[in-house]
Amino acid sequence: MFTCINQSCGARWKLEEVTVQNEGQGELFRCPLCGARNHVIRSVKPDGRVTYKQVRVSR
């Protein structure tokens, strides 16, 4: 489950509900509700499954 980092939004999303892509600053998803950029880290499991973990980016 991912949570939008935009304080006024805070919507929660399942992986199936978002599109993870690289916009030049690493992999992220844009919140479908407000459009905020939310960074994720991609991992490949030994069985070949790809998983994502949301990370907080300090600015």
N, C-alpha and C. Protein backbone atom coordinates (compact mmCIF):
# COMPACT_ATOMS: atom_id res chain seq x y z
N MET A 1 0.84 -1.16 0.00
CA MET A 1 0.00 0.00 0.00
C MET A 1 0.89 1.24 0.00
N PHE A 2 0.61 2.18 -0.87
CA PHE A 2 1.36 3.43 -0.96
C PHE A 2 0.49 4.57 -0.45
N THR A 3 1.11 5.58 0.13
CA THR A 3 0.41 6.76 0.62
C THR A 3 0.99 7.99 -0.05
N CYS A 4 0.13 8.84 -0.59
CA CYS A 4 0.58 10.07 -1.25
C CYS A 4 1.27 10.96 -0.21
N ILE A 5 2.44 11.51 -0.59
CA ILE A 5 3.19 12.35 0.34
C ILE A 5 2.65 13.77 0.43
N ASN A 6 1.76 14.15 -0.45
CA ASN A 6 1.16 15.49 -0.41
C ASN A 6 0.29 15.58 0.84
N GLN A 7 0.64 16.48 1.77
CA GLN A 7 -0.06 16.57 3.05
C GLN A 7 -1.55 16.83 2.90
N SER A 8 -1.94 17.59 1.90
CA SER A 8 -3.36 17.89 1.73
C SER A 8 -4.11 16.74 1.06
N CYS A 9 -3.39 15.74 0.55
CA CYS A 9 -4.03 14.61 -0.11
C CYS A 9 -4.00 13.38 0.80
N GLY A 10 -2.83 12.74 0.90
CA GLY A 10 -2.67 11.58 1.77
C GLY A 10 -3.43 10.34 1.33
N ALA A 11 -3.86 10.31 0.07
CA ALA A 11 -4.63 9.15 -0.43
C ALA A 11 -3.77 7.89 -0.41
N ARG A 12 -4.42 6.76 -0.21
CA ARG A 12 -3.72 5.46 -0.18
C ARG A 12 -4.05 4.70 -1.46
N TRP A 13 -3.03 4.04 -2.01
CA TRP A 13 -3.17 3.35 -3.29
C TRP A 13 -2.50 1.99 -3.23
N LYS A 14 -3.09 1.03 -3.93
CA LYS A 14 -2.46 -0.27 -4.13
C LYS A 14 -1.58 -0.17 -5.36
N LEU A 15 -0.59 -1.06 -5.47
CA LEU A 15 0.30 -1.05 -6.63
C LEU A 15 -0.47 -1.14 -7.94
N GLU A 16 -1.54 -1.92 -7.94
CA GLU A 16 -2.33 -2.10 -9.17
C GLU A 16 -3.04 -0.80 -9.59
N GLU A 17 -3.15 0.16 -8.70
CA GLU A 17 -3.88 1.40 -8.98
C GLU A 17 -2.98 2.53 -9.46
N VAL A 18 -1.66 2.32 -9.44
CA VAL A 18 -0.73 3.37 -9.87
C VAL A 18 0.19 2.84 -10.96
N THR A 19 0.83 3.76 -11.66
CA THR A 19 1.81 3.40 -12.68
C THR A 19 3.18 3.87 -12.22
N VAL A 20 4.10 2.93 -12.05
CA VAL A 20 5.46 3.27 -11.65
C VAL A 20 6.26 3.53 -12.92
N GLN A 21 6.98 4.66 -12.94
CA GLN A 21 7.79 5.01 -14.10
C GLN A 21 8.99 5.82 -13.67
N ASN A 22 9.95 5.97 -14.56
CA ASN A 22 11.14 6.77 -14.29
C ASN A 22 10.99 8.07 -15.07
N GLU A 23 10.92 9.20 -14.36
CA GLU A 23 10.78 10.50 -15.00
C GLU A 23 12.11 11.26 -14.99
N GLY A 24 13.22 10.53 -14.87
CA GLY A 24 14.54 11.14 -14.90
C GLY A 24 15.16 11.35 -13.53
N GLN A 25 14.39 11.16 -12.47
CA GLN A 25 14.92 11.31 -11.12
C GLN A 25 14.71 10.03 -10.32
N GLY A 26 14.68 8.92 -10.99
CA GLY A 26 14.43 7.64 -10.33
C GLY A 26 12.98 7.22 -10.50
N GLU A 27 12.69 6.03 -10.03
CA GLU A 27 11.34 5.50 -10.21
C GLU A 27 10.37 6.14 -9.22
N LEU A 28 9.18 6.41 -9.71
CA LEU A 28 8.15 7.04 -8.89
C LEU A 28 6.78 6.74 -9.46
N PHE A 29 5.76 7.06 -8.66
CA PHE A 29 4.40 7.05 -9.18
C PHE A 29 3.79 8.40 -8.88
N ARG A 30 2.92 8.84 -9.77
CA ARG A 30 2.18 10.07 -9.53
C ARG A 30 0.83 9.70 -8.93
N CYS A 31 0.46 10.41 -7.89
CA CYS A 31 -0.82 10.16 -7.23
C CYS A 31 -1.93 10.38 -8.25
N PRO A 32 -2.81 9.39 -8.46
CA PRO A 32 -3.90 9.55 -9.41
C PRO A 32 -4.89 10.65 -9.02
N LEU A 33 -4.90 11.04 -7.75
CA LEU A 33 -5.85 12.04 -7.28
C LEU A 33 -5.31 13.47 -7.42
N CYS A 34 -4.06 13.70 -6.95
CA CYS A 34 -3.53 15.07 -6.95
C CYS A 34 -2.32 15.27 -7.86
N GLY A 35 -1.72 14.19 -8.35
CA GLY A 35 -0.57 14.30 -9.25
C GLY A 35 0.78 14.44 -8.57
N ALA A 36 0.84 14.36 -7.23
CA ALA A 36 2.11 14.48 -6.53
C ALA A 36 3.03 13.32 -6.89
N ARG A 37 4.35 13.63 -6.94
CA ARG A 37 5.35 12.61 -7.25
C ARG A 37 5.74 11.89 -5.98
N ASN A 38 5.70 10.56 -5.99
CA ASN A 38 6.01 9.73 -4.85
C ASN A 38 7.09 8.72 -5.26
N HIS A 39 8.25 8.80 -4.64
CA HIS A 39 9.39 7.96 -5.03
C HIS A 39 9.27 6.54 -4.46
N VAL A 40 9.75 5.58 -5.25
CA VAL A 40 9.76 4.18 -4.84
C VAL A 40 11.10 3.55 -5.21
N ILE A 41 11.42 2.44 -4.54
CA ILE A 41 12.60 1.65 -4.86
C ILE A 41 12.13 0.31 -5.40
N ARG A 42 12.70 -0.08 -6.51
CA ARG A 42 12.35 -1.35 -7.17
C ARG A 42 13.27 -2.45 -6.68
N SER A 43 12.71 -3.61 -6.40
CA SER A 43 13.48 -4.79 -6.01
C SER A 43 13.01 -5.98 -6.83
N VAL A 44 13.95 -6.85 -7.20
CA VAL A 44 13.61 -8.08 -7.90
C VAL A 44 13.88 -9.24 -6.95
N LYS A 45 12.86 -10.01 -6.65
CA LYS A 45 12.97 -11.14 -5.74
C LYS A 45 13.66 -12.30 -6.44
N PRO A 46 14.21 -13.26 -5.69
CA PRO A 46 14.89 -14.42 -6.30
C PRO A 46 14.00 -15.20 -7.26
N ASP A 47 12.69 -15.17 -7.03
CA ASP A 47 11.79 -15.89 -7.93
C ASP A 47 11.39 -15.07 -9.16
N GLY A 48 11.97 -13.85 -9.30
CA GLY A 48 11.72 -13.02 -10.47
C GLY A 48 10.64 -11.97 -10.29
N ARG A 49 9.92 -12.02 -9.18
CA ARG A 49 8.87 -11.02 -8.94
C ARG A 49 9.50 -9.65 -8.71
N VAL A 50 8.86 -8.61 -9.23
CA VAL A 50 9.30 -7.24 -9.01
C VAL A 50 8.41 -6.62 -7.94
N THR A 51 9.04 -6.02 -6.93
CA THR A 51 8.29 -5.35 -5.88
C THR A 51 8.77 -3.91 -5.75
N TYR A 52 7.93 -3.07 -5.17
CA TYR A 52 8.27 -1.67 -4.97
C TYR A 52 8.02 -1.29 -3.52
N LYS A 53 8.90 -0.43 -3.00
CA LYS A 53 8.75 0.08 -1.64
C LYS A 53 8.80 1.60 -1.72
N GLN A 54 7.83 2.26 -1.12
CA GLN A 54 7.80 3.71 -1.13
C GLN A 54 8.88 4.26 -0.20
N VAL A 55 9.54 5.33 -0.63
CA VAL A 55 10.58 5.98 0.16
C VAL A 55 10.24 7.45 0.30
N ARG A 56 10.68 8.01 1.41
CA ARG A 56 10.54 9.46 1.64
C ARG A 56 11.80 10.12 1.14
N VAL A 57 11.68 11.15 0.32
CA VAL A 57 12.82 11.86 -0.20
C VAL A 57 12.94 13.17 0.57
N SER A 58 14.09 13.38 1.20
CA SER A 58 14.29 14.63 1.94
C SER A 58 14.70 15.72 0.97
N ARG A 59 14.17 16.89 1.20
CA ARG A 59 14.46 18.02 0.29
C ARG A 59 15.00 19.18 1.05
